[in-house]
Amino acid sequence: FQLVDLTEKGLSKGELRSVAARVPLDQLLDRTSPRFAAKGLAHAWLDASKIESLLLADPLLLRTPIVRNGAAATVGYCPETWQMWQNRT
């Protein structure tokens, strides 16, 4: 596995798009984070392009953990899916 400290380095545009091909961009945005509220985004209209820009500019708005397994990916805490992946190997 690979651990990325989002306080030091965010996802590249290519990495973000790779994950977004498996998980919708809207699900990658952590709307429950204090950072989201502090930026005044709670009532903002956010299309995919705006969400992508926000996530690239401020990786701490990403919902975590982002876990990739080959072509599959999850966002948030998904232990059942991870266990299923592990059982397949």
N, C-alpha and C. Protein backbone atom coordinates (compact mmCIF):
# COMPACT_ATOMS: atom_id res chain seq x y z
N PHE A 1 0.84 -1.19 0.00
CA PHE A 1 0.00 0.00 0.00
C PHE A 1 0.87 1.24 0.00
N GLN A 2 0.26 2.35 -0.28
CA GLN A 2 0.98 3.63 -0.31
C GLN A 2 0.22 4.61 0.57
N LEU A 3 0.92 5.23 1.48
CA LEU A 3 0.33 6.23 2.36
C LEU A 3 0.79 7.61 1.89
N VAL A 4 -0.16 8.51 1.73
CA VAL A 4 0.16 9.88 1.31
C VAL A 4 -0.34 10.82 2.39
N ASP A 5 0.55 11.64 2.93
CA ASP A 5 0.18 12.64 3.93
C ASP A 5 -0.35 13.87 3.19
N LEU A 6 -1.66 14.06 3.24
CA LEU A 6 -2.29 15.15 2.50
C LEU A 6 -1.90 16.53 3.00
N THR A 7 -1.34 16.61 4.21
CA THR A 7 -0.88 17.92 4.69
C THR A 7 0.43 18.31 4.00
N GLU A 8 1.12 17.32 3.44
CA GLU A 8 2.39 17.58 2.75
C GLU A 8 2.24 17.59 1.23
N LYS A 9 1.40 16.72 0.71
CA LYS A 9 1.28 16.58 -0.73
C LYS A 9 -0.12 16.09 -1.08
N GLY A 10 -0.77 16.77 -1.99
CA GLY A 10 -2.08 16.34 -2.44
C GLY A 10 -1.97 15.38 -3.60
N LEU A 11 -3.12 15.02 -4.14
CA LEU A 11 -3.14 14.17 -5.32
C LEU A 11 -2.82 15.01 -6.56
N SER A 12 -2.16 14.40 -7.51
CA SER A 12 -1.95 15.08 -8.79
C SER A 12 -3.27 15.06 -9.55
N LYS A 13 -3.38 15.86 -10.59
CA LYS A 13 -4.60 15.88 -11.40
C LYS A 13 -4.87 14.48 -11.96
N GLY A 14 -3.83 13.80 -12.41
CA GLY A 14 -3.98 12.44 -12.95
C GLY A 14 -4.46 11.46 -11.90
N GLU A 15 -3.89 11.54 -10.69
CA GLU A 15 -4.32 10.65 -9.60
C GLU A 15 -5.77 10.92 -9.22
N LEU A 16 -6.12 12.19 -9.11
CA LEU A 16 -7.49 12.55 -8.76
C LEU A 16 -8.47 12.03 -9.82
N ARG A 17 -8.14 12.21 -11.07
CA ARG A 17 -9.02 11.74 -12.15
C ARG A 17 -9.11 10.21 -12.19
N SER A 18 -8.02 9.55 -11.85
CA SER A 18 -8.03 8.09 -11.80
C SER A 18 -8.99 7.60 -10.72
N VAL A 19 -8.94 8.21 -9.55
CA VAL A 19 -9.87 7.84 -8.47
C VAL A 19 -11.29 8.23 -8.86
N ALA A 20 -11.45 9.41 -9.45
CA ALA A 20 -12.79 9.90 -9.82
C ALA A 20 -13.42 9.06 -10.93
N ALA A 21 -12.63 8.30 -11.65
CA ALA A 21 -13.19 7.39 -12.65
C ALA A 21 -13.89 6.21 -11.98
N ARG A 22 -13.60 5.99 -10.70
CA ARG A 22 -14.18 4.89 -9.95
C ARG A 22 -15.15 5.35 -8.86
N VAL A 23 -14.92 6.54 -8.36
CA VAL A 23 -15.76 7.13 -7.31
C VAL A 23 -16.12 8.54 -7.75
N PRO A 24 -17.41 8.88 -7.81
CA PRO A 24 -17.79 10.22 -8.27
C PRO A 24 -17.10 11.33 -7.47
N LEU A 25 -16.71 12.39 -8.17
CA LEU A 25 -16.03 13.53 -7.53
C LEU A 25 -16.82 14.04 -6.33
N ASP A 26 -18.13 14.08 -6.44
CA ASP A 26 -18.96 14.57 -5.35
C ASP A 26 -18.74 13.76 -4.07
N GLN A 27 -18.46 12.47 -4.21
CA GLN A 27 -18.22 11.62 -3.04
C GLN A 27 -16.81 11.80 -2.48
N LEU A 28 -15.91 12.38 -3.27
CA LEU A 28 -14.55 12.63 -2.80
C LEU A 28 -14.45 13.87 -1.91
N LEU A 29 -15.41 14.75 -2.02
CA LEU A 29 -15.41 16.00 -1.27
C LEU A 29 -15.98 15.77 0.12
N ASP A 30 -15.21 16.10 1.15
CA ASP A 30 -15.66 15.91 2.54
C ASP A 30 -16.49 17.11 2.98
N ARG A 31 -17.78 16.99 2.77
CA ARG A 31 -18.71 18.07 3.10
C ARG A 31 -18.94 18.20 4.61
N THR A 32 -18.47 17.23 5.39
CA THR A 32 -18.66 17.29 6.84
C THR A 32 -17.45 17.89 7.57
N SER A 33 -16.41 18.20 6.83
CA SER A 33 -15.19 18.71 7.48
C SER A 33 -15.35 20.17 7.89
N PRO A 34 -14.74 20.55 9.00
CA PRO A 34 -14.75 21.96 9.41
C PRO A 34 -14.14 22.85 8.32
N ARG A 35 -13.17 22.34 7.59
CA ARG A 35 -12.51 23.11 6.54
C ARG A 35 -13.52 23.48 5.44
N PHE A 36 -14.40 22.56 5.10
CA PHE A 36 -15.43 22.79 4.09
C PHE A 36 -16.32 23.95 4.54
N ALA A 37 -16.75 23.92 5.79
CA ALA A 37 -17.60 24.98 6.34
C ALA A 37 -16.84 26.30 6.44
N ALA A 38 -15.58 26.23 6.87
CA ALA A 38 -14.78 27.45 7.04
C ALA A 38 -14.57 28.18 5.72
N LYS A 39 -14.55 27.44 4.63
CA LYS A 39 -14.38 28.06 3.32
C LYS A 39 -15.71 28.58 2.76
N GLY A 40 -16.79 28.44 3.54
CA GLY A 40 -18.08 28.95 3.10
C GLY A 40 -18.69 28.16 1.96
N LEU A 41 -18.39 26.87 1.89
CA LEU A 41 -18.84 26.06 0.77
C LEU A 41 -20.17 25.35 1.02
N ALA A 42 -20.68 25.44 2.23
CA ALA A 42 -21.89 24.69 2.59
C ALA A 42 -23.07 25.00 1.68
N HIS A 43 -23.18 26.21 1.21
CA HIS A 43 -24.33 26.59 0.37
C HIS A 43 -23.91 26.92 -1.06
N ALA A 44 -22.68 26.59 -1.39
CA ALA A 44 -22.19 26.88 -2.75
C ALA A 44 -22.67 25.81 -3.72
N TRP A 45 -22.92 26.24 -4.95
CA TRP A 45 -23.25 25.29 -6.02
C TRP A 45 -21.94 24.81 -6.61
N LEU A 46 -21.69 23.51 -6.50
CA LEU A 46 -20.41 22.96 -6.92
C LEU A 46 -20.61 21.91 -8.00
N ASP A 47 -20.18 22.23 -9.22
CA ASP A 47 -20.23 21.22 -10.28
C ASP A 47 -18.91 20.44 -10.25
N ALA A 48 -18.79 19.43 -11.10
CA ALA A 48 -17.62 18.56 -11.10
C ALA A 48 -16.33 19.34 -11.32
N SER A 49 -16.36 20.31 -12.20
CA SER A 49 -15.16 21.11 -12.48
C SER A 49 -14.72 21.89 -11.25
N LYS A 50 -15.67 22.49 -10.55
CA LYS A 50 -15.36 23.26 -9.34
C LYS A 50 -14.84 22.34 -8.24
N ILE A 51 -15.47 21.17 -8.10
CA ILE A 51 -15.02 20.22 -7.08
C ILE A 51 -13.59 19.78 -7.36
N GLU A 52 -13.31 19.47 -8.63
CA GLU A 52 -11.94 19.06 -8.99
C GLU A 52 -10.95 20.17 -8.64
N SER A 53 -11.28 21.40 -8.98
CA SER A 53 -10.39 22.53 -8.67
C SER A 53 -10.17 22.67 -7.17
N LEU A 54 -11.24 22.55 -6.40
CA LEU A 54 -11.13 22.66 -4.94
C LEU A 54 -10.22 21.57 -4.37
N LEU A 55 -10.42 20.33 -4.83
CA LEU A 55 -9.65 19.22 -4.30
C LEU A 55 -8.18 19.30 -4.68
N LEU A 56 -7.90 19.81 -5.86
CA LEU A 56 -6.50 19.97 -6.27
C LEU A 56 -5.83 21.11 -5.50
N ALA A 57 -6.58 22.17 -5.23
CA ALA A 57 -6.04 23.33 -4.51
C ALA A 57 -5.91 23.07 -3.01
N ASP A 58 -6.83 22.27 -2.46
CA ASP A 58 -6.84 22.03 -1.02
C ASP A 58 -7.13 20.55 -0.76
N PRO A 59 -6.10 19.71 -0.74
CA PRO A 59 -6.32 18.27 -0.57
C PRO A 59 -6.93 17.89 0.77
N LEU A 60 -6.93 18.79 1.74
CA LEU A 60 -7.56 18.48 3.02
C LEU A 60 -9.08 18.49 2.93
N LEU A 61 -9.62 18.84 1.77
CA LEU A 61 -11.06 18.73 1.54
C LEU A 61 -11.45 17.34 1.04
N LEU A 62 -10.45 16.48 0.80
CA LEU A 62 -10.73 15.12 0.36
C LEU A 62 -11.30 14.29 1.50
N ARG A 63 -12.28 13.47 1.18
CA ARG A 63 -12.78 12.49 2.13
C ARG A 63 -11.75 11.37 2.20
N THR A 64 -11.45 10.93 3.36
CA THR A 64 -10.43 9.89 3.53
C THR A 64 -10.95 8.74 4.37
N PRO A 65 -10.31 7.61 4.33
CA PRO A 65 -9.19 7.30 3.47
C PRO A 65 -9.63 7.01 2.04
N ILE A 66 -8.73 7.25 1.11
CA ILE A 66 -8.93 6.82 -0.27
C ILE A 66 -8.09 5.56 -0.42
N VAL A 67 -8.75 4.46 -0.73
CA VAL A 67 -8.06 3.18 -0.84
C VAL A 67 -8.28 2.65 -2.25
N ARG A 68 -7.16 2.35 -2.92
CA ARG A 68 -7.24 1.81 -4.27
C ARG A 68 -6.75 0.37 -4.27
N ASN A 69 -7.41 -0.45 -5.06
CA ASN A 69 -7.05 -1.85 -5.21
C ASN A 69 -7.17 -2.19 -6.69
N GLY A 70 -6.08 -2.08 -7.40
CA GLY A 70 -6.14 -2.29 -8.84
C GLY A 70 -7.03 -1.25 -9.47
N ALA A 71 -8.06 -1.70 -10.18
CA ALA A 71 -8.97 -0.77 -10.85
C ALA A 71 -10.08 -0.27 -9.93
N ALA A 72 -10.18 -0.82 -8.73
CA ALA A 72 -11.25 -0.44 -7.80
C ALA A 72 -10.74 0.61 -6.81
N ALA A 73 -11.68 1.37 -6.24
CA ALA A 73 -11.32 2.37 -5.23
C ALA A 73 -12.50 2.58 -4.29
N THR A 74 -12.18 2.93 -3.06
CA THR A 74 -13.19 3.33 -2.09
C THR A 74 -12.77 4.66 -1.48
N VAL A 75 -13.76 5.37 -0.97
CA VAL A 75 -13.51 6.63 -0.27
C VAL A 75 -14.29 6.56 1.03
N GLY A 76 -13.62 6.90 2.12
CA GLY A 76 -14.24 6.78 3.43
C GLY A 76 -13.97 5.40 4.01
N TYR A 77 -14.53 5.15 5.16
CA TYR A 77 -14.31 3.91 5.89
C TYR A 77 -15.20 2.82 5.31
N CYS A 78 -14.61 1.82 4.66
CA CYS A 78 -15.35 0.75 3.97
C CYS A 78 -14.75 -0.62 4.29
N PRO A 79 -14.75 -1.04 5.55
CA PRO A 79 -14.07 -2.28 5.92
C PRO A 79 -14.61 -3.52 5.22
N GLU A 80 -15.91 -3.56 4.93
CA GLU A 80 -16.47 -4.73 4.27
C GLU A 80 -15.87 -4.91 2.88
N THR A 81 -15.75 -3.81 2.15
CA THR A 81 -15.15 -3.86 0.81
C THR A 81 -13.69 -4.27 0.89
N TRP A 82 -12.96 -3.71 1.83
CA TRP A 82 -11.54 -4.04 1.96
C TRP A 82 -11.37 -5.52 2.30
N GLN A 83 -12.24 -6.03 3.17
CA GLN A 83 -12.17 -7.45 3.54
C GLN A 83 -12.44 -8.32 2.31
N MET A 84 -13.42 -7.92 1.51
CA MET A 84 -13.74 -8.65 0.29
C MET A 84 -12.52 -8.67 -0.64
N TRP A 85 -11.86 -7.52 -0.78
CA TRP A 85 -10.65 -7.46 -1.62
C TRP A 85 -9.59 -8.41 -1.07
N GLN A 86 -9.41 -8.38 0.23
CA GLN A 86 -8.38 -9.20 0.85
C GLN A 86 -8.69 -10.69 0.68
N ASN A 87 -9.95 -11.06 0.75
CA ASN A 87 -10.34 -12.46 0.61
C ASN A 87 -10.11 -12.99 -0.80
N ARG A 88 -10.09 -12.09 -1.78
CA ARG A 88 -9.89 -12.50 -3.18
C ARG A 88 -8.43 -12.81 -3.49
N THR A 89 -7.52 -12.34 -2.65
CA THR A 89 -6.10 -12.55 -2.95
C THR A 89 -5.56 -13.81 -2.33
